[in-house]
């Protein structure tokens, strides 16, 4: 039965040494997970990470906001026609403000929803899945989780590279 080991490290160099050693021993990139209070690009690339998909949710929200703004101004100006002395009924210049506002509004709402969904907040066990975590990993510590059958080997690697704390989850 596979277990998950979580090692907490004070220094980034120690965590990087553990990742290198685990990859050398033969663990796959999908079995290793790195938790950090800030993004560390070279480790993300080393573990085969990718960019955040939140940008696509923001773009989707912006496009939907712009399209709904166009629909809103067209429908309201054609539904409530006000004679304005020979001027066009659908005048685009004043509607640019409404289009901008709805684009920004829906883009920011979709940004919030994307952050909540893709960052797994809240971490609901039944729907999204559970993952090991320590609150100190958001402050100034680094964490490495490894899904393994060889618990003793991983514990030895963690201890050899200065793990401050090692937790075992089943």
N, C-alpha and C. Protein backbone atom coordinates (compact mmCIF):
# COMPACT_ATOMS: atom_id res chain seq x y z
N UNK A 1 0.83 -1.18 0.00
CA UNK A 1 0.00 0.00 0.00
C UNK A 1 0.88 1.25 0.00
N UNK A 2 0.58 2.16 -0.91
CA UNK A 2 1.38 3.38 -1.01
C UNK A 2 1.07 4.31 0.15
N UNK A 3 2.12 4.93 0.63
CA UNK A 3 1.99 5.94 1.68
C UNK A 3 2.57 7.24 1.15
N UNK A 4 2.17 8.32 1.77
CA UNK A 4 2.69 9.63 1.41
C UNK A 4 3.52 10.14 2.56
N UNK A 5 4.76 10.51 2.26
CA UNK A 5 5.65 11.09 3.24
C UNK A 5 5.79 12.57 2.97
N UNK A 6 5.69 13.37 4.02
CA UNK A 6 5.86 14.81 3.92
C UNK A 6 7.08 15.21 4.73
N UNK A 7 8.03 15.83 4.07
CA UNK A 7 9.22 16.32 4.76
C UNK A 7 9.21 17.83 4.77
N UNK A 8 9.49 18.41 5.93
CA UNK A 8 9.53 19.87 6.07
C UNK A 8 10.98 20.31 6.17
N UNK A 9 11.36 21.30 5.36
CA UNK A 9 12.74 21.76 5.30
C UNK A 9 12.80 23.26 5.54
N UNK A 10 13.89 23.68 6.18
CA UNK A 10 14.08 25.10 6.45
C UNK A 10 14.72 25.81 5.27
N UNK A 11 15.62 25.13 4.59
CA UNK A 11 16.38 25.76 3.51
C UNK A 11 15.99 25.18 2.16
N UNK A 12 15.94 26.06 1.16
CA UNK A 12 15.58 25.65 -0.19
C UNK A 12 16.61 24.71 -0.79
N UNK A 13 17.89 24.92 -0.48
CA UNK A 13 18.94 24.06 -1.01
C UNK A 13 18.76 22.61 -0.56
N UNK A 14 18.37 22.42 0.70
CA UNK A 14 18.14 21.06 1.20
C UNK A 14 16.99 20.40 0.46
N UNK A 15 15.92 21.15 0.25
CA UNK A 15 14.77 20.59 -0.47
C UNK A 15 15.14 20.24 -1.90
N UNK A 16 15.96 21.08 -2.52
CA UNK A 16 16.38 20.80 -3.90
C UNK A 16 17.27 19.56 -3.96
N UNK A 17 18.14 19.37 -2.97
CA UNK A 17 18.97 18.17 -2.92
C UNK A 17 18.12 16.91 -2.78
N UNK A 18 17.07 17.00 -1.96
CA UNK A 18 16.17 15.85 -1.79
C UNK A 18 15.49 15.52 -3.11
N UNK A 19 15.01 16.52 -3.82
CA UNK A 19 14.34 16.28 -5.10
C UNK A 19 15.31 15.64 -6.09
N UNK A 20 16.54 16.16 -6.16
CA UNK A 20 17.54 15.57 -7.06
C UNK A 20 17.82 14.12 -6.70
N UNK A 21 17.96 13.85 -5.41
CA UNK A 21 18.27 12.49 -4.97
C UNK A 21 17.11 11.54 -5.24
N UNK A 22 15.87 12.02 -5.02
CA UNK A 22 14.70 11.18 -5.29
C UNK A 22 14.58 10.87 -6.78
N UNK A 23 14.86 11.85 -7.63
CA UNK A 23 14.81 11.61 -9.07
C UNK A 23 15.92 10.65 -9.50
N UNK A 24 17.11 10.76 -8.85
CA UNK A 24 18.21 9.87 -9.17
C UNK A 24 17.91 8.42 -8.76
N UNK A 25 17.23 8.26 -7.63
CA UNK A 25 16.89 6.93 -7.13
C UNK A 25 15.87 6.25 -8.04
N UNK A 26 15.05 7.03 -8.73
CA UNK A 26 14.11 6.43 -9.67
C UNK A 26 12.65 6.80 -9.46
N UNK A 27 12.38 7.75 -8.60
CA UNK A 27 10.99 8.19 -8.42
C UNK A 27 10.58 9.04 -9.61
N UNK A 28 9.32 8.90 -10.00
CA UNK A 28 8.85 9.70 -11.14
C UNK A 28 8.44 11.09 -10.66
N UNK A 29 8.37 12.01 -11.59
CA UNK A 29 8.04 13.39 -11.26
C UNK A 29 6.63 13.53 -10.70
N UNK A 30 5.75 12.63 -11.10
CA UNK A 30 4.37 12.73 -10.62
C UNK A 30 4.21 12.22 -9.19
N UNK A 31 5.20 11.46 -8.68
CA UNK A 31 5.16 10.99 -7.30
C UNK A 31 5.70 12.02 -6.31
N UNK A 32 6.41 13.03 -6.82
CA UNK A 32 7.04 14.04 -5.97
C UNK A 32 6.27 15.34 -6.12
N UNK A 33 6.03 15.98 -4.99
CA UNK A 33 5.33 17.26 -4.99
C UNK A 33 6.10 18.24 -4.11
N UNK A 34 6.22 19.47 -4.56
CA UNK A 34 6.98 20.50 -3.86
C UNK A 34 6.03 21.57 -3.38
N UNK A 35 6.11 21.91 -2.08
CA UNK A 35 5.25 22.94 -1.49
C UNK A 35 6.15 24.07 -1.01
N UNK A 36 5.83 25.29 -1.44
CA UNK A 36 6.68 26.42 -1.13
C UNK A 36 5.83 27.65 -0.86
N UNK A 37 6.32 28.57 -0.02
CA UNK A 37 5.56 29.80 0.21
C UNK A 37 5.64 30.79 -0.95
N UNK A 38 6.52 30.54 -1.89
CA UNK A 38 6.65 31.37 -3.08
C UNK A 38 7.08 30.48 -4.25
N UNK A 39 6.81 30.89 -5.49
CA UNK A 39 7.17 30.04 -6.62
C UNK A 39 8.69 29.99 -6.83
N UNK A 40 9.19 28.79 -7.05
CA UNK A 40 10.61 28.57 -7.34
C UNK A 40 10.66 27.94 -8.73
N UNK A 41 10.99 28.76 -9.72
CA UNK A 41 10.85 28.36 -11.11
C UNK A 41 11.68 27.14 -11.48
N UNK A 42 12.93 27.08 -11.06
CA UNK A 42 13.78 25.96 -11.50
C UNK A 42 13.32 24.63 -10.90
N UNK A 43 12.73 24.65 -9.72
CA UNK A 43 12.21 23.41 -9.15
C UNK A 43 10.91 23.02 -9.84
N UNK A 44 10.08 24.01 -10.16
CA UNK A 44 8.83 23.72 -10.89
C UNK A 44 9.15 23.09 -12.24
N UNK A 45 10.16 23.63 -12.94
CA UNK A 45 10.56 23.06 -14.22
C UNK A 45 11.16 21.66 -14.05
N UNK A 46 11.91 21.47 -12.97
CA UNK A 46 12.54 20.18 -12.71
C UNK A 46 11.49 19.09 -12.49
N UNK A 47 10.38 19.46 -11.84
CA UNK A 47 9.32 18.49 -11.56
C UNK A 47 8.26 18.44 -12.66
N UNK A 48 8.48 19.18 -13.73
CA UNK A 48 7.55 19.12 -14.86
C UNK A 48 6.26 19.88 -14.63
N UNK A 49 6.32 20.92 -13.82
CA UNK A 49 5.12 21.73 -13.57
C UNK A 49 4.78 22.59 -14.77
N UNK A 50 3.61 23.16 -14.73
CA UNK A 50 3.17 24.00 -15.84
C UNK A 50 2.62 25.31 -15.29
N UNK A 51 2.29 26.19 -16.19
CA UNK A 51 1.72 27.47 -15.80
C UNK A 51 0.34 27.27 -15.19
N UNK A 52 -0.08 28.25 -14.46
CA UNK A 52 -1.38 28.19 -13.82
C UNK A 52 -2.50 28.33 -14.85
N UNK A 53 -3.53 27.52 -14.75
CA UNK A 53 -4.66 27.65 -15.69
C UNK A 53 -5.62 28.77 -15.33
N UNK A 54 -5.30 29.55 -14.29
CA UNK A 54 -6.18 30.64 -13.88
C UNK A 54 -6.30 31.69 -14.99
N UNK A 55 -5.24 31.88 -15.76
CA UNK A 55 -5.27 32.89 -16.82
C UNK A 55 -6.35 32.58 -17.85
N UNK A 56 -6.64 31.31 -18.07
CA UNK A 56 -7.68 30.96 -19.02
C UNK A 56 -9.07 31.28 -18.46
N UNK A 57 -9.24 31.13 -17.16
CA UNK A 57 -10.53 31.49 -16.57
C UNK A 57 -10.74 33.00 -16.61
N UNK A 58 -9.68 33.77 -16.41
CA UNK A 58 -9.79 35.22 -16.49
C UNK A 58 -10.13 35.65 -17.91
N UNK A 59 -9.47 35.04 -18.89
CA UNK A 59 -9.75 35.37 -20.29
C UNK A 59 -11.19 35.02 -20.65
N UNK A 60 -11.65 33.86 -20.19
CA UNK A 60 -13.03 33.45 -20.45
C UNK A 60 -14.00 34.45 -19.83
N UNK A 61 -13.75 34.87 -18.61
CA UNK A 61 -14.61 35.86 -17.97
C UNK A 61 -14.61 37.18 -18.70
N UNK A 62 -13.45 37.60 -19.17
CA UNK A 62 -13.37 38.86 -19.91
C UNK A 62 -14.14 38.80 -21.23
N UNK A 63 -14.01 37.69 -21.94
CA UNK A 63 -14.73 37.53 -23.21
C UNK A 63 -16.24 37.48 -22.97
N UNK A 64 -16.64 36.72 -21.94
CA UNK A 64 -18.07 36.66 -21.62
C UNK A 64 -18.60 38.02 -21.18
N UNK A 65 -17.81 38.78 -20.42
CA UNK A 65 -18.22 40.12 -20.00
C UNK A 65 -18.37 41.05 -21.18
N UNK A 66 -17.42 41.00 -22.10
CA UNK A 66 -17.50 41.86 -23.29
C UNK A 66 -18.70 41.49 -24.16
N UNK A 67 -18.90 40.19 -24.37
CA UNK A 67 -20.03 39.75 -25.20
C UNK A 67 -21.36 40.10 -24.53
N UNK A 68 -21.45 39.91 -23.23
CA UNK A 68 -22.71 40.25 -22.55
C UNK A 68 -22.93 41.76 -22.54
N UNK A 69 -21.87 42.55 -22.49
CA UNK A 69 -22.04 44.01 -22.56
C UNK A 69 -22.56 44.44 -23.92
N UNK A 70 -22.03 43.84 -24.99
CA UNK A 70 -22.53 44.16 -26.32
C UNK A 70 -24.00 43.79 -26.43
N UNK A 71 -24.35 42.60 -25.95
CA UNK A 71 -25.75 42.18 -25.99
C UNK A 71 -26.62 43.11 -25.16
N UNK A 72 -26.16 43.51 -24.01
CA UNK A 72 -26.94 44.38 -23.13
C UNK A 72 -27.20 45.73 -23.78
N UNK A 73 -26.17 46.37 -24.33
CA UNK A 73 -26.37 47.70 -24.90
C UNK A 73 -27.19 47.64 -26.18
N UNK A 74 -27.01 46.59 -26.97
CA UNK A 74 -27.81 46.48 -28.20
C UNK A 74 -29.27 46.23 -27.88
N UNK A 75 -29.53 45.30 -26.98
CA UNK A 75 -30.93 44.97 -26.66
C UNK A 75 -31.64 46.14 -26.00
N UNK A 76 -30.97 46.81 -25.06
CA UNK A 76 -31.64 47.93 -24.39
C UNK A 76 -31.83 49.12 -25.32
N UNK A 77 -30.89 49.40 -26.20
CA UNK A 77 -31.07 50.55 -27.09
C UNK A 77 -32.11 50.26 -28.17
N UNK A 78 -32.24 49.00 -28.58
CA UNK A 78 -33.27 48.68 -29.57
C UNK A 78 -34.64 48.44 -28.94
N UNK A 79 -34.68 48.06 -27.68
CA UNK A 79 -35.96 47.85 -27.00
C UNK A 79 -36.58 49.17 -26.58
N UNK A 80 -35.76 50.13 -26.19
CA UNK A 80 -36.26 51.43 -25.74
C UNK A 80 -35.70 52.51 -26.66
N UNK A 81 -36.25 52.61 -27.84
CA UNK A 81 -35.75 53.56 -28.84
C UNK A 81 -36.15 54.98 -28.41
N UNK A 82 -35.14 55.82 -28.30
CA UNK A 82 -35.37 57.22 -27.98
C UNK A 82 -34.97 58.05 -29.20
N UNK A 83 -35.92 58.78 -29.75
CA UNK A 83 -35.56 59.63 -30.89
C UNK A 83 -34.62 60.74 -30.44
N UNK A 84 -33.48 60.84 -31.09
CA UNK A 84 -32.48 61.81 -30.67
C UNK A 84 -32.10 62.76 -31.80
N UNK A 85 -33.03 63.07 -32.65
CA UNK A 85 -32.79 64.08 -33.68
C UNK A 85 -31.83 63.67 -34.76
N UNK A 86 -32.04 62.53 -35.36
CA UNK A 86 -31.24 62.09 -36.48
C UNK A 86 -29.97 61.34 -36.13
N UNK A 87 -29.67 61.22 -34.86
CA UNK A 87 -28.48 60.46 -34.45
C UNK A 87 -28.81 58.97 -34.50
N UNK A 88 -27.80 58.12 -34.66
CA UNK A 88 -28.08 56.68 -34.71
C UNK A 88 -28.62 56.18 -33.37
N UNK A 89 -29.49 55.17 -33.45
CA UNK A 89 -30.07 54.60 -32.24
C UNK A 89 -29.01 53.84 -31.44
N UNK A 90 -28.19 53.10 -32.16
CA UNK A 90 -27.10 52.38 -31.51
C UNK A 90 -25.81 53.18 -31.73
N UNK A 91 -25.41 53.90 -30.70
CA UNK A 91 -24.19 54.71 -30.77
C UNK A 91 -23.11 53.99 -29.95
N UNK A 92 -22.01 53.66 -30.60
CA UNK A 92 -21.01 52.80 -29.95
C UNK A 92 -20.13 53.55 -28.96
N UNK A 93 -19.88 54.82 -29.16
CA UNK A 93 -18.94 55.55 -28.31
C UNK A 93 -19.37 55.54 -26.83
N UNK A 94 -20.63 55.85 -26.50
CA UNK A 94 -20.99 55.82 -25.06
C UNK A 94 -21.03 54.40 -24.49
N UNK A 95 -21.16 53.40 -25.34
CA UNK A 95 -21.27 52.02 -24.85
C UNK A 95 -19.92 51.40 -24.52
N UNK A 96 -18.84 52.05 -24.94
CA UNK A 96 -17.51 51.54 -24.66
C UNK A 96 -17.28 51.46 -23.14
N UNK A 97 -17.82 52.42 -22.42
CA UNK A 97 -17.65 52.43 -20.96
C UNK A 97 -18.33 51.20 -20.35
N UNK A 98 -19.55 50.90 -20.79
CA UNK A 98 -20.27 49.74 -20.27
C UNK A 98 -19.53 48.45 -20.64
N UNK A 99 -19.01 48.37 -21.87
CA UNK A 99 -18.27 47.19 -22.29
C UNK A 99 -17.01 46.99 -21.45
N UNK A 100 -16.31 48.08 -21.20
CA UNK A 100 -15.11 47.99 -20.37
C UNK A 100 -15.45 47.52 -18.96
N UNK A 101 -16.47 48.12 -18.38
CA UNK A 101 -16.83 47.78 -17.00
C UNK A 101 -17.26 46.32 -16.86
N UNK A 102 -18.09 45.83 -17.77
CA UNK A 102 -18.52 44.42 -17.68
C UNK A 102 -17.38 43.46 -17.97
N UNK A 103 -16.47 43.85 -18.86
CA UNK A 103 -15.31 43.01 -19.13
C UNK A 103 -14.45 42.87 -17.87
N UNK A 104 -14.19 43.97 -17.22
CA UNK A 104 -13.38 43.94 -16.00
C UNK A 104 -14.12 43.22 -14.87
N UNK A 105 -15.42 43.47 -14.73
CA UNK A 105 -16.19 42.86 -13.65
C UNK A 105 -16.22 41.33 -13.79
N UNK A 106 -16.62 40.83 -14.95
CA UNK A 106 -16.68 39.38 -15.11
C UNK A 106 -15.29 38.75 -15.14
N UNK A 107 -14.30 39.47 -15.68
CA UNK A 107 -12.93 38.95 -15.65
C UNK A 107 -12.44 38.78 -14.22
N UNK A 108 -12.73 39.74 -13.35
CA UNK A 108 -12.27 39.63 -11.96
C UNK A 108 -13.07 38.57 -11.19
N UNK A 109 -14.35 38.43 -11.48
CA UNK A 109 -15.15 37.39 -10.82
C UNK A 109 -14.65 36.01 -11.24
N UNK A 110 -14.38 35.82 -12.53
CA UNK A 110 -13.85 34.54 -13.00
C UNK A 110 -12.44 34.29 -12.47
N UNK A 111 -11.67 35.37 -12.25
CA UNK A 111 -10.35 35.23 -11.64
C UNK A 111 -10.49 34.66 -10.24
N UNK A 112 -11.40 35.21 -9.45
CA UNK A 112 -11.62 34.70 -8.09
C UNK A 112 -12.09 33.25 -8.11
N UNK A 113 -13.04 32.94 -8.99
CA UNK A 113 -13.53 31.55 -9.07
C UNK A 113 -12.43 30.60 -9.55
N UNK A 114 -11.61 31.05 -10.48
CA UNK A 114 -10.49 30.23 -10.96
C UNK A 114 -9.47 29.98 -9.87
N UNK A 115 -9.16 31.01 -9.08
CA UNK A 115 -8.23 30.82 -7.97
C UNK A 115 -8.78 29.83 -6.96
N UNK A 116 -10.06 29.96 -6.65
CA UNK A 116 -10.66 29.04 -5.68
C UNK A 116 -10.65 27.61 -6.22
N UNK A 117 -10.99 27.45 -7.49
CA UNK A 117 -11.09 26.11 -8.07
C UNK A 117 -9.71 25.47 -8.28
N UNK A 118 -8.78 26.20 -8.87
CA UNK A 118 -7.50 25.61 -9.23
C UNK A 118 -6.52 25.53 -8.07
N UNK A 119 -6.69 26.35 -7.06
CA UNK A 119 -5.83 26.27 -5.87
C UNK A 119 -6.42 25.35 -4.82
N UNK A 120 -7.54 24.74 -5.12
CA UNK A 120 -8.22 23.79 -4.25
C UNK A 120 -8.55 24.40 -2.89
N UNK A 121 -9.18 25.56 -2.94
CA UNK A 121 -9.63 26.21 -1.72
C UNK A 121 -11.14 26.18 -1.68
N UNK A 122 -11.78 25.70 -0.70
CA UNK A 122 -11.25 24.89 0.38
C UNK A 122 -10.93 23.49 -0.13
N UNK A 123 -10.08 22.80 0.55
CA UNK A 123 -9.65 21.47 0.13
C UNK A 123 -10.69 20.45 0.60
N UNK A 124 -11.71 20.26 -0.20
CA UNK A 124 -12.82 19.38 0.15
C UNK A 124 -12.45 17.96 -0.24
N UNK A 125 -12.47 17.07 0.71
CA UNK A 125 -12.01 15.69 0.50
C UNK A 125 -12.89 14.96 -0.51
N UNK A 126 -14.19 15.10 -0.40
CA UNK A 126 -15.09 14.31 -1.24
C UNK A 126 -15.05 14.72 -2.71
N UNK A 127 -14.81 15.98 -2.99
CA UNK A 127 -14.94 16.45 -4.36
C UNK A 127 -13.60 16.63 -5.07
N UNK A 128 -12.63 17.16 -4.39
CA UNK A 128 -11.40 17.53 -5.07
C UNK A 128 -10.26 16.59 -4.74
N UNK A 129 -10.22 16.08 -3.54
CA UNK A 129 -9.11 15.21 -3.14
C UNK A 129 -8.34 15.83 -2.01
N UNK A 130 -7.67 14.99 -1.25
CA UNK A 130 -6.95 15.45 -0.08
C UNK A 130 -5.47 15.39 -0.34
N UNK A 131 -4.74 16.30 0.26
CA UNK A 131 -3.29 16.28 0.14
C UNK A 131 -2.67 16.70 1.46
N UNK A 132 -1.53 16.14 1.80
CA UNK A 132 -0.88 16.50 3.06
C UNK A 132 -0.37 17.93 3.03
N UNK A 133 -0.48 18.58 4.18
CA UNK A 133 -0.10 19.98 4.26
C UNK A 133 0.19 20.36 5.70
N UNK A 134 1.13 21.27 5.91
CA UNK A 134 1.41 21.85 7.22
C UNK A 134 1.28 23.36 7.10
N UNK A 135 0.68 24.02 8.08
CA UNK A 135 0.53 25.48 8.01
C UNK A 135 1.86 26.23 7.93
N UNK A 136 2.92 25.69 8.50
CA UNK A 136 4.21 26.39 8.45
C UNK A 136 4.79 26.44 7.04
N UNK A 137 4.26 25.65 6.12
CA UNK A 137 4.76 25.67 4.74
C UNK A 137 4.33 26.92 3.99
N UNK A 138 3.39 27.68 4.54
CA UNK A 138 3.00 28.94 3.92
C UNK A 138 3.80 30.11 4.46
N UNK A 139 4.56 29.91 5.53
CA UNK A 139 5.32 31.00 6.14
C UNK A 139 6.74 31.06 5.60
N UNK A 140 7.58 30.13 6.04
CA UNK A 140 8.99 30.20 5.69
C UNK A 140 9.64 28.84 5.52
N UNK A 141 8.85 27.80 5.40
CA UNK A 141 9.40 26.44 5.27
C UNK A 141 9.05 25.87 3.89
N UNK A 142 9.76 24.83 3.52
CA UNK A 142 9.54 24.15 2.25
C UNK A 142 9.14 22.71 2.53
N UNK A 143 8.24 22.18 1.72
CA UNK A 143 7.79 20.82 1.92
C UNK A 143 7.93 19.99 0.66
N UNK A 144 8.20 18.73 0.86
CA UNK A 144 8.26 17.77 -0.24
C UNK A 144 7.41 16.58 0.15
N UNK A 145 6.48 16.22 -0.71
CA UNK A 145 5.69 15.02 -0.49
C UNK A 145 6.07 13.99 -1.52
N UNK A 146 6.15 12.75 -1.07
CA UNK A 146 6.51 11.64 -1.95
C UNK A 146 5.52 10.52 -1.72
N UNK A 147 4.93 10.04 -2.79
CA UNK A 147 4.04 8.88 -2.73
C UNK A 147 4.89 7.65 -3.02
N UNK A 148 4.99 6.74 -2.01
CA UNK A 148 5.95 5.64 -2.14
C UNK A 148 5.51 4.40 -1.39
N UNK A 149 6.10 3.28 -1.81
CA UNK A 149 5.99 2.03 -1.07
C UNK A 149 7.22 1.83 -0.18
N UNK A 150 8.32 2.46 -0.55
CA UNK A 150 9.59 2.32 0.17
C UNK A 150 9.76 3.46 1.17
N UNK A 151 9.06 3.36 2.27
CA UNK A 151 9.01 4.43 3.26
C UNK A 151 10.36 4.66 3.91
N UNK A 152 11.05 3.61 4.28
CA UNK A 152 12.33 3.75 4.98
C UNK A 152 13.39 4.44 4.12
N UNK A 153 13.38 4.13 2.83
CA UNK A 153 14.35 4.75 1.93
C UNK A 153 14.13 6.25 1.83
N UNK A 154 12.87 6.65 1.70
CA UNK A 154 12.56 8.09 1.58
C UNK A 154 12.84 8.80 2.90
N UNK A 155 12.52 8.16 4.02
CA UNK A 155 12.82 8.77 5.32
C UNK A 155 14.33 8.98 5.47
N UNK A 156 15.11 8.03 5.01
CA UNK A 156 16.57 8.16 5.09
C UNK A 156 17.06 9.33 4.23
N UNK A 157 16.48 9.47 3.06
CA UNK A 157 16.87 10.59 2.19
C UNK A 157 16.49 11.92 2.84
N UNK A 158 15.29 11.98 3.42
CA UNK A 158 14.87 13.21 4.10
C UNK A 158 15.81 13.55 5.26
N UNK A 159 16.11 12.56 6.10
CA UNK A 159 16.95 12.80 7.27
C UNK A 159 18.37 13.17 6.87
N UNK A 160 18.88 12.54 5.84
CA UNK A 160 20.25 12.81 5.39
C UNK A 160 20.40 14.25 4.89
N UNK A 161 19.30 14.82 4.37
CA UNK A 161 19.37 16.18 3.82
C UNK A 161 18.77 17.24 4.74
N UNK A 162 18.61 16.92 6.01
CA UNK A 162 18.25 17.94 6.99
C UNK A 162 16.77 18.24 7.12
N UNK A 163 15.94 17.22 7.05
CA UNK A 163 14.51 17.44 7.23
C UNK A 163 14.23 17.82 8.67
N UNK A 164 13.47 18.88 8.83
CA UNK A 164 13.12 19.35 10.16
C UNK A 164 12.02 18.48 10.78
N UNK A 165 11.13 18.01 9.94
CA UNK A 165 10.03 17.17 10.41
C UNK A 165 9.62 16.24 9.28
N UNK A 166 9.26 15.01 9.62
CA UNK A 166 8.81 14.03 8.63
C UNK A 166 7.49 13.46 9.13
N UNK A 167 6.48 13.56 8.28
CA UNK A 167 5.17 12.99 8.62
C UNK A 167 4.80 11.92 7.61
N UNK A 168 4.09 10.93 8.10
CA UNK A 168 3.67 9.80 7.25
C UNK A 168 2.14 9.76 7.20
N UNK A 169 1.61 9.72 5.99
CA UNK A 169 0.17 9.65 5.78
C UNK A 169 -0.15 8.38 5.00
N UNK A 170 -1.27 7.75 5.32
CA UNK A 170 -1.63 6.53 4.58
C UNK A 170 -2.71 6.82 3.56
